[in-house]
């Protein structure tokens, strides 16, 4: 999978964490998660992702910083839209 065709809806990790570790999950399966990272050897990123995916194999691959930031921005926009919908429901 490339960063151009990943499923944004499957990413359930808060944006602030994605920004901190500079990594995004790009392929989520039952037994394996493929993670695009600016630094695939970053132990901090590995620790964070292991908390979100404790029972699966994590595979880290190198990705360009700009590509990761684009995906994070899409996830951030998705979260903002969800927040707006939640607020609209409360007001109704």
C-alpha atoms as a PDB file:
ATOM      1  CA  UNK A   1       0.000   0.000   0.000  1.00  0.00           C
ATOM      2  CA  UNK A   2       1.080   3.532  -0.659  1.00  0.00           C
ATOM      3  CA  UNK A   3       0.295   6.628   1.359  1.00  0.00           C
ATOM      4  CA  UNK A   4      -1.983   7.766  -1.461  1.00  0.00           C
ATOM      5  CA  UNK A   5      -4.578   5.034  -1.047  1.00  0.00           C
ATOM      6  CA  UNK A   6      -4.781   4.222   2.651  1.00  0.00           C
ATOM      7  CA  UNK A   7      -8.056   4.127   4.552  1.00  0.00           C
ATOM      8  CA  UNK A   8      -8.158   7.205   6.768  1.00  0.00           C
ATOM      9  CA  UNK A   9     -11.221   5.859   8.597  1.00  0.00           C
ATOM     10  CA  UNK A  10      -9.201   2.940   9.996  1.00  0.00           C
ATOM     11  CA  UNK A  11      -6.753   5.252  11.766  1.00  0.00           C
ATOM     12  CA  UNK A  12      -7.988   5.516  15.356  1.00  0.00           C
ATOM     13  CA  UNK A  13      -4.842   6.996  16.882  1.00  0.00           C
ATOM     14  CA  UNK A  14      -5.073  10.617  18.074  1.00  0.00           C
ATOM     15  CA  UNK A  15      -3.478  13.149  15.728  1.00  0.00           C
ATOM     16  CA  UNK A  16      -1.246  14.574  18.445  1.00  0.00           C
ATOM     17  CA  UNK A  17       0.429  11.181  18.832  1.00  0.00           C
ATOM     18  CA  UNK A  18       0.829  10.729  15.074  1.00  0.00           C
ATOM     19  CA  UNK A  19       2.458  14.162  14.903  1.00  0.00           C
ATOM     20  CA  UNK A  20       4.751  13.366  17.814  1.00  0.00           C
ATOM     21  CA  UNK A  21       6.036  10.060  16.414  1.00  0.00           C
ATOM     22  CA  UNK A  22       5.927  11.173  12.750  1.00  0.00           C
ATOM     23  CA  UNK A  23       4.361   7.889  11.676  1.00  0.00           C
ATOM     24  CA  UNK A  24       1.005   6.585  10.415  1.00  0.00           C
ATOM     25  CA  UNK A  25      -0.490   3.112  10.054  1.00  0.00           C
ATOM     26  CA  UNK A  26      -0.982   2.457   6.346  1.00  0.00           C
ATOM     27  CA  UNK A  27      -2.226  -1.133   6.311  1.00  0.00           C
ATOM     28  CA  UNK A  28      -4.144  -2.641   9.214  1.00  0.00           C
ATOM     29  CA  UNK A  29      -4.810  -6.400   9.174  1.00  0.00           C
ATOM     30  CA  UNK A  30      -5.883  -8.789  11.917  1.00  0.00           C
ATOM     31  CA  UNK A  31      -2.357 -10.021  12.608  1.00  0.00           C
ATOM     32  CA  UNK A  32      -0.137  -7.235  11.225  1.00  0.00           C
ATOM     33  CA  UNK A  33       0.025  -3.460  11.008  1.00  0.00           C
ATOM     34  CA  UNK A  34       2.249  -1.746   8.455  1.00  0.00           C
ATOM     35  CA  UNK A  35       3.411   1.665   9.662  1.00  0.00           C
ATOM     36  CA  UNK A  36       5.002   4.364   7.521  1.00  0.00           C
ATOM     37  CA  UNK A  37       7.522   6.299   9.592  1.00  0.00           C
ATOM     38  CA  UNK A  38      10.005   9.077   9.082  1.00  0.00           C
ATOM     39  CA  UNK A  39      12.395   6.996  11.225  1.00  0.00           C
ATOM     40  CA  UNK A  40      11.445   3.286  11.195  1.00  0.00           C
ATOM     41  CA  UNK A  41      13.952   2.606  14.001  1.00  0.00           C
ATOM     42  CA  UNK A  42      12.395   5.107  16.431  1.00  0.00           C
ATOM     43  CA  UNK A  43      11.819   3.114  19.634  1.00  0.00           C
ATOM     44  CA  UNK A  44       9.390   5.765  20.936  1.00  0.00           C
ATOM     45  CA  UNK A  45       7.142   5.345  17.891  1.00  0.00           C
ATOM     46  CA  UNK A  46       7.296   1.572  18.265  1.00  0.00           C
ATOM     47  CA  UNK A  47       6.262   1.848  21.922  1.00  0.00           C
ATOM     48  CA  UNK A  48       3.289   4.097  21.104  1.00  0.00           C
ATOM     49  CA  UNK A  49       2.031   1.886  18.313  1.00  0.00           C
ATOM     50  CA  UNK A  50       2.420  -1.236  20.458  1.00  0.00           C
ATOM     51  CA  UNK A  51      -0.025   0.349  22.932  1.00  0.00           C
ATOM     52  CA  UNK A  52      -2.626   0.761  20.185  1.00  0.00           C
ATOM     53  CA  UNK A  53      -1.946  -2.600  18.536  1.00  0.00           C
ATOM     54  CA  UNK A  54      -0.766  -4.841  21.417  1.00  0.00           C
ATOM     55  CA  UNK A  55      -1.529  -8.241  19.898  1.00  0.00           C
ATOM     56  CA  UNK A  56      -0.276  -7.866  16.338  1.00  0.00           C
ATOM     57  CA  UNK A  57       3.044  -7.736  14.545  1.00  0.00           C
ATOM     58  CA  UNK A  58       4.196  -4.199  13.775  1.00  0.00           C
ATOM     59  CA  UNK A  59       6.174  -3.610  10.608  1.00  0.00           C
ATOM     60  CA  UNK A  60       7.767  -0.194  10.124  1.00  0.00           C
ATOM     61  CA  UNK A  61       8.739   1.143   6.699  1.00  0.00           C
ATOM     62  CA  UNK A  62      10.518   4.330   5.708  1.00  0.00           C
ATOM     63  CA  UNK A  63       8.369   7.170   4.356  1.00  0.00           C
ATOM     64  CA  UNK A  64       9.027  10.753   3.375  1.00  0.00           C
ATOM     65  CA  UNK A  65       8.195  13.350   6.022  1.00  0.00           C
ATOM     66  CA  UNK A  66       5.964  15.357   3.637  1.00  0.00           C
ATOM     67  CA  UNK A  67       3.898  12.272   2.796  1.00  0.00           C
ATOM     68  CA  UNK A  68       3.384  11.435   6.454  1.00  0.00           C
ATOM     69  CA  UNK A  69       2.346  15.021   7.185  1.00  0.00           C
ATOM     70  CA  UNK A  70      -0.245  14.902   4.366  1.00  0.00           C
ATOM     71  CA  UNK A  71      -1.831  11.794   5.855  1.00  0.00           C
ATOM     72  CA  UNK A  72      -1.797  13.294   9.352  1.00  0.00           C
ATOM     73  CA  UNK A  73      -3.533  16.399   7.983  1.00  0.00           C
ATOM     74  CA  UNK A  74      -6.262  14.212   6.447  1.00  0.00           C
ATOM     75  CA  UNK A  75      -6.755  12.421   9.772  1.00  0.00           C
ATOM     76  CA  UNK A  76      -6.871  15.766  11.563  1.00  0.00           C
ATOM     77  CA  UNK A  77      -9.544  17.040   9.148  1.00  0.00           C
ATOM     78  CA  UNK A  78     -11.559  13.851   9.724  1.00  0.00           C
ATOM     79  CA  UNK A  79     -11.396  14.396  13.498  1.00  0.00           C
ATOM     80  CA  UNK A  80     -12.461  18.030  13.157  1.00  0.00           C
ATOM     81  CA  UNK A  81     -15.473  17.041  11.040  1.00  0.00           C
ATOM     82  CA  UNK A  82     -16.441  14.428  13.625  1.00  0.00           C
ATOM     83  CA  UNK A  83     -16.206  17.044  16.395  1.00  0.00           C
ATOM     84  CA  UNK A  84     -18.445  19.426  14.425  1.00  0.00           C
ATOM     85  CA  UNK A  85     -21.064  16.695  13.896  1.00  0.00           C
ATOM     86  CA  UNK A  86     -21.003  15.857  17.611  1.00  0.00           C
ATOM     87  CA  UNK A  87     -21.525  19.521  18.525  1.00  0.00           C
ATOM     88  CA  UNK A  88     -24.385  19.854  16.028  1.00  0.00           C
ATOM     89  CA  UNK A  89     -26.136  16.834  17.556  1.00  0.00           C
ATOM     90  CA  UNK A  90     -25.805  18.338  21.041  1.00  0.00           C
ATOM     91  CA  UNK A  91     -27.365  21.587  19.858  1.00  0.00           C
ATOM     92  CA  UNK A  92     -30.280  19.889  18.116  1.00  0.00           C
END
